[in-house]
Amino acid sequence: MFHRLLAASAILATACATAEAQRAEPTIDLESASAIVTACVDHARANDQGVAVAVFDQHGNLKAYAIMDSADTAVGDIAQWKGKSAATYGFSSAETGKWGSPGPGMATWRGGLPIRLESGELIGGVGVSGAPSEFDEACGNTGIAAAGLPKAEIVAD
């Protein structure tokens, strides 16, 4: 009986040590994703633009999305393409567009921006489509700043 108790204790100690070794990974939360979408839509509305905005976590999961009534139908899919690309590759779609032959799901049109913490750690991406590319990027950065996160670097052509 004592040996069984000792073995069970050893197994439990190993399980606890393994659990402690697991690192919690920061990711964008729903509140921040929603703040990004809201601020970007407000910015577009104030500038008479119709856009779609999509925010993804760094694993490519859609966290928040909106398409304005004044936006063209196709821009919703394009915003999602740009946002998921920025979230999973960790680079703006302006940058990945320069890489030549695109990889799976890699956006090549400007308007996708990675979302990072102050430490530089990637937590997601935002894609905006429906306005001129420079406005799409500015709109995404307006949303990122509204969520209290550092703006993404804009890569010039």
C-alpha atoms as a PDB file:
ATOM      1  CA  MET A   1       0.000   0.000   0.000  1.00  0.00           C
ATOM      2  CA  PHE A   2       2.818   2.391   0.891  1.00  0.00           C
ATOM      3  CA  HIS A   3       4.470   1.797  -2.500  1.00  0.00           C
ATOM      4  CA  ARG A   4       1.224   2.605  -4.316  1.00  0.00           C
ATOM      5  CA  LEU A   5       0.838   5.806  -2.331  1.00  0.00           C
ATOM      6  CA  LEU A   6       4.451   6.724  -3.065  1.00  0.00           C
ATOM      7  CA  ALA A   7       3.977   6.026  -6.805  1.00  0.00           C
ATOM      8  CA  ALA A   8       0.764   8.059  -6.908  1.00  0.00           C
ATOM      9  CA  SER A   9       2.548  10.946  -5.183  1.00  0.00           C
ATOM     10  CA  ALA A  10       5.368  10.792  -7.727  1.00  0.00           C
ATOM     11  CA  ILE A  11       2.906  10.836 -10.629  1.00  0.00           C
ATOM     12  CA  LEU A  12       1.028  13.760  -9.113  1.00  0.00           C
ATOM     13  CA  ALA A  13       4.281  15.692  -8.555  1.00  0.00           C
ATOM     14  CA  THR A  14       5.316  15.079 -12.165  1.00  0.00           C
ATOM     15  CA  ALA A  15       1.932  16.258 -13.449  1.00  0.00           C
ATOM     16  CA  CYS A  16       2.145  19.423 -11.360  1.00  0.00           C
ATOM     17  CA  ALA A  17       5.690  20.120 -12.573  1.00  0.00           C
ATOM     18  CA  THR A  18       4.571  19.662 -16.183  1.00  0.00           C
ATOM     19  CA  ALA A  19       1.630  22.008 -15.698  1.00  0.00           C
ATOM     20  CA  GLU A  20       3.900  24.649 -14.209  1.00  0.00           C
ATOM     21  CA  ALA A  21       6.197  24.399 -17.235  1.00  0.00           C
ATOM     22  CA  GLN A  22       3.385  25.383 -19.605  1.00  0.00           C
ATOM     23  CA  ARG A  23       3.745  29.013 -20.665  1.00  0.00           C
ATOM     24  CA  ALA A  24       0.616  31.105 -21.023  1.00  0.00           C
ATOM     25  CA  GLU A  25       0.670  32.844 -24.396  1.00  0.00           C
ATOM     26  CA  PRO A  26      -0.807  36.339 -24.635  1.00  0.00           C
ATOM     27  CA  THR A  27      -3.391  36.828 -27.349  1.00  0.00           C
ATOM     28  CA  ILE A  28      -5.791  39.552 -28.354  1.00  0.00           C
ATOM     29  CA  ASP A  29      -8.976  39.436 -26.308  1.00  0.00           C
ATOM     30  CA  LEU A  30     -12.513  40.088 -27.507  1.00  0.00           C
ATOM     31  CA  GLU A  31     -12.674  43.486 -25.800  1.00  0.00           C
ATOM     32  CA  SER A  32      -9.556  44.761 -27.602  1.00  0.00           C
ATOM     33  CA  ALA A  33     -10.637  43.249 -30.924  1.00  0.00           C
ATOM     34  CA  SER A  34     -14.040  44.913 -30.627  1.00  0.00           C
ATOM     35  CA  ALA A  35     -12.430  48.262 -29.744  1.00  0.00           C
ATOM     36  CA  ILE A  36     -10.288  48.031 -32.887  1.00  0.00           C
ATOM     37  CA  VAL A  37     -13.311  47.352 -35.096  1.00  0.00           C
ATOM     38  CA  THR A  38     -15.397  50.121 -33.517  1.00  0.00           C
ATOM     39  CA  ALA A  39     -12.656  52.767 -33.763  1.00  0.00           C
ATOM     40  CA  CYS A  40     -11.848  51.851 -37.353  1.00  0.00           C
ATOM     41  CA  VAL A  41     -15.511  51.987 -38.417  1.00  0.00           C
ATOM     42  CA  ASP A  42     -15.920  55.348 -36.655  1.00  0.00           C
ATOM     43  CA  HIS A  43     -12.785  56.652 -38.418  1.00  0.00           C
ATOM     44  CA  ALA A  44     -14.051  55.453 -41.812  1.00  0.00           C
ATOM     45  CA  ARG A  45     -17.488  56.968 -41.231  1.00  0.00           C
ATOM     46  CA  ALA A  46     -15.926  60.324 -40.269  1.00  0.00           C
ATOM     47  CA  ASN A  47     -13.965  60.263 -43.538  1.00  0.00           C
ATOM     48  CA  ASP A  48     -16.865  59.163 -45.792  1.00  0.00           C
ATOM     49  CA  GLN A  49     -15.344  55.751 -46.483  1.00  0.00           C
ATOM     50  CA  GLY A  50     -17.059  52.354 -46.494  1.00  0.00           C
ATOM     51  CA  VAL A  51     -14.873  49.552 -45.162  1.00  0.00           C
ATOM     52  CA  ALA A  52     -14.859  46.079 -43.712  1.00  0.00           C
ATOM     53  CA  VAL A  53     -12.668  45.373 -40.678  1.00  0.00           C
ATOM     54  CA  ALA A  54     -11.540  41.952 -39.462  1.00  0.00           C
ATOM     55  CA  VAL A  55      -9.461  41.220 -36.346  1.00  0.00           C
ATOM     56  CA  PHE A  56      -7.804  37.833 -35.832  1.00  0.00           C
ATOM     57  CA  ASP A  57      -5.734  36.342 -33.023  1.00  0.00           C
ATOM     58  CA  GLN A  58      -2.222  35.132 -33.817  1.00  0.00           C
ATOM     59  CA  HIS A  59      -3.536  31.623 -34.506  1.00  0.00           C
ATOM     60  CA  GLY A  60      -5.816  32.835 -37.301  1.00  0.00           C
ATOM     61  CA  ASN A  61      -9.079  32.773 -35.337  1.00  0.00           C
ATOM     62  CA  LEU A  62     -11.539  35.550 -36.200  1.00  0.00           C
ATOM     63  CA  LYS A  63     -12.193  37.607 -33.048  1.00  0.00           C
ATOM     64  CA  ALA A  64     -14.230  40.580 -34.351  1.00  0.00           C
ATOM     65  CA  TYR A  65     -15.608  41.664 -37.707  1.00  0.00           C
ATOM     66  CA  ALA A  66     -17.786  44.389 -39.222  1.00  0.00           C
ATOM     67  CA  ILE A  67     -18.719  45.508 -42.692  1.00  0.00           C
ATOM     68  CA  MET A  68     -20.227  48.952 -43.099  1.00  0.00           C
ATOM     69  CA  ASP A  69     -23.510  49.284 -44.983  1.00  0.00           C
ATOM     70  CA  SER A  70     -21.764  51.515 -47.528  1.00  0.00           C
ATOM     71  CA  ALA A  71     -19.001  48.981 -48.275  1.00  0.00           C
ATOM     72  CA  ASP A  72     -18.945  46.832 -51.394  1.00  0.00           C
ATOM     73  CA  THR A  73     -19.766  43.162 -50.860  1.00  0.00           C
ATOM     74  CA  ALA A  74     -16.364  41.715 -51.794  1.00  0.00           C
ATOM     75  CA  VAL A  75     -14.376  43.845 -49.356  1.00  0.00           C
ATOM     76  CA  GLY A  76     -15.463  41.681 -46.423  1.00  0.00           C
ATOM     77  CA  ASP A  77     -13.566  38.669 -47.737  1.00  0.00           C
ATOM     78  CA  ILE A  78     -10.575  40.833 -48.635  1.00  0.00           C
ATOM     79  CA  ALA A  79     -10.423  42.391 -45.145  1.00  0.00           C
ATOM     80  CA  GLN A  80     -10.455  38.900 -43.635  1.00  0.00           C
ATOM     81  CA  TRP A  81      -7.688  37.755 -46.001  1.00  0.00           C
ATOM     82  CA  LYS A  82      -5.515  40.731 -45.052  1.00  0.00           C
ATOM     83  CA  GLY A  83      -6.162  40.417 -41.303  1.00  0.00           C
ATOM     84  CA  LYS A  84      -5.565  36.674 -41.119  1.00  0.00           C
ATOM     85  CA  SER A  85      -2.355  37.046 -43.134  1.00  0.00           C
ATOM     86  CA  ALA A  86      -1.008  39.755 -40.804  1.00  0.00           C
ATOM     87  CA  ALA A  87      -1.993  37.717 -37.739  1.00  0.00           C
ATOM     88  CA  THR A  88      -0.445  34.437 -38.847  1.00  0.00           C
ATOM     89  CA  TYR A  89       2.662  35.692 -40.667  1.00  0.00           C
ATOM     90  CA  GLY A  90       3.341  38.603 -38.293  1.00  0.00           C
ATOM     91  CA  PHE A  91       3.983  41.137 -41.053  1.00  0.00           C
ATOM     92  CA  SER A  92       1.893  43.785 -42.742  1.00  0.00           C
ATOM     93  CA  SER A  93       0.306  42.759 -46.015  1.00  0.00           C
ATOM     94  CA  ALA A  94       2.306  45.569 -47.651  1.00  0.00           C
ATOM     95  CA  GLU A  95       5.444  43.705 -46.581  1.00  0.00           C
ATOM     96  CA  THR A  96       4.258  40.207 -47.541  1.00  0.00           C
ATOM     97  CA  GLY A  97       3.209  41.624 -50.916  1.00  0.00           C
ATOM     98  CA  LYS A  98       6.895  42.293 -51.627  1.00  0.00           C
ATOM     99  CA  TRP A  99       7.973  38.706 -50.966  1.00  0.00           C
ATOM    100  CA  GLY A 100       7.234  37.422 -54.458  1.00  0.00           C
ATOM    101  CA  SER A 101       5.189  34.258 -54.757  1.00  0.00           C
ATOM    102  CA  PRO A 102       2.703  34.254 -51.847  1.00  0.00           C
ATOM    103  CA  GLY A 103       2.440  31.446 -49.340  1.00  0.00           C
ATOM    104  CA  PRO A 104      -0.865  29.917 -48.222  1.00  0.00           C
ATOM    105  CA  GLY A 105      -3.292  32.650 -47.196  1.00  0.00           C
ATOM    106  CA  MET A 106      -0.637  35.338 -47.549  1.00  0.00           C
ATOM    107  CA  ALA A 107      -2.143  38.711 -48.441  1.00  0.00           C
ATOM    108  CA  THR A 108      -0.402  40.779 -51.099  1.00  0.00           C
ATOM    109  CA  TRP A 109      -2.563  43.936 -50.980  1.00  0.00           C
ATOM    110  CA  ARG A 110      -1.976  46.686 -48.438  1.00  0.00           C
ATOM    111  CA  GLY A 111      -4.371  47.005 -45.497  1.00  0.00           C
ATOM    112  CA  GLY A 112      -3.360  44.149 -43.182  1.00  0.00           C
ATOM    113  CA  LEU A 113      -1.404  45.033 -40.028  1.00  0.00           C
ATOM    114  CA  PRO A 114       0.045  42.854 -37.276  1.00  0.00           C
ATOM    115  CA  ILE A 115      -1.018  43.633 -33.716  1.00  0.00           C
ATOM    116  CA  ARG A 116       1.763  43.462 -31.137  1.00  0.00           C
ATOM    117  CA  LEU A 117       2.307  44.174 -27.473  1.00  0.00           C
ATOM    118  CA  GLU A 118       4.835  46.823 -26.356  1.00  0.00           C
ATOM    119  CA  SER A 119       7.316  43.936 -25.968  1.00  0.00           C
ATOM    120  CA  GLY A 120       6.935  43.176 -29.683  1.00  0.00           C
ATOM    121  CA  GLU A 121       5.101  39.898 -29.135  1.00  0.00           C
ATOM    122  CA  LEU A 122       2.541  39.161 -31.852  1.00  0.00           C
ATOM    123  CA  ILE A 123      -1.027  38.832 -30.519  1.00  0.00           C
ATOM    124  CA  GLY A 124      -3.081  39.189 -33.706  1.00  0.00           C
ATOM    125  CA  GLY A 125      -3.750  41.112 -36.882  1.00  0.00           C
ATOM    126  CA  VAL A 126      -6.276  43.501 -38.379  1.00  0.00           C
ATOM    127  CA  GLY A 127      -7.376  43.712 -41.987  1.00  0.00           C
ATOM    128  CA  VAL A 128      -9.221  46.659 -43.503  1.00  0.00           C
ATOM    129  CA  SER A 129     -10.547  46.876 -47.037  1.00  0.00           C
ATOM    130  CA  GLY A 130     -12.831  49.126 -49.048  1.00  0.00           C
ATOM    131  CA  ALA A 131     -10.932  52.412 -49.180  1.00  0.00           C
ATOM    132  CA  PRO A 132      -7.612  53.380 -50.769  1.00  0.00           C
ATOM    133  CA  SER A 133      -4.801  51.230 -49.349  1.00  0.00           C
ATOM    134  CA  GLU A 134      -3.200  54.058 -47.375  1.00  0.00           C
ATOM    135  CA  PHE A 135      -6.537  54.791 -45.711  1.00  0.00           C
ATOM    136  CA  ASP A 136      -7.094  51.082 -44.960  1.00  0.00           C
ATOM    137  CA  GLU A 137      -3.752  51.001 -43.119  1.00  0.00           C
ATOM    138  CA  ALA A 138      -4.399  54.269 -41.265  1.00  0.00           C
ATOM    139  CA  CYS A 139      -7.834  53.004 -40.272  1.00  0.00           C
ATOM    140  CA  GLY A 140      -6.341  49.781 -38.899  1.00  0.00           C
ATOM    141  CA  ASN A 141      -3.772  51.744 -36.908  1.00  0.00           C
ATOM    142  CA  THR A 142      -6.491  54.056 -35.566  1.00  0.00           C
ATOM    143  CA  GLY A 143      -8.233  50.962 -34.220  1.00  0.00           C
ATOM    144  CA  ILE A 144      -5.046  49.467 -32.795  1.00  0.00           C
ATOM    145  CA  ALA A 145      -4.262  52.733 -30.957  1.00  0.00           C
ATOM    146  CA  ALA A 146      -7.854  52.928 -29.640  1.00  0.00           C
ATOM    147  CA  ALA A 147      -7.339  49.518 -28.034  1.00  0.00           C
ATOM    148  CA  GLY A 148      -4.298  50.900 -26.199  1.00  0.00           C
ATOM    149  CA  LEU A 149      -1.803  48.919 -28.269  1.00  0.00           C
ATOM    150  CA  PRO A 150       1.232  50.218 -30.174  1.00  0.00           C
ATOM    151  CA  LYS A 151       0.558  51.154 -33.783  1.00  0.00           C
ATOM    152  CA  ALA A 152       1.942  48.892 -36.479  1.00  0.00           C
ATOM    153  CA  GLU A 153       4.795  50.070 -38.636  1.00  0.00           C
ATOM    154  CA  ILE A 154       3.600  51.169 -42.067  1.00  0.00           C
ATOM    155  CA  VAL A 155       5.841  49.876 -44.828  1.00  0.00           C
ATOM    156  CA  ALA A 156       6.069  52.334 -47.714  1.00  0.00           C
ATOM    157  CA  ASP A 157       6.150  51.090 -51.319  1.00  0.00           C
END
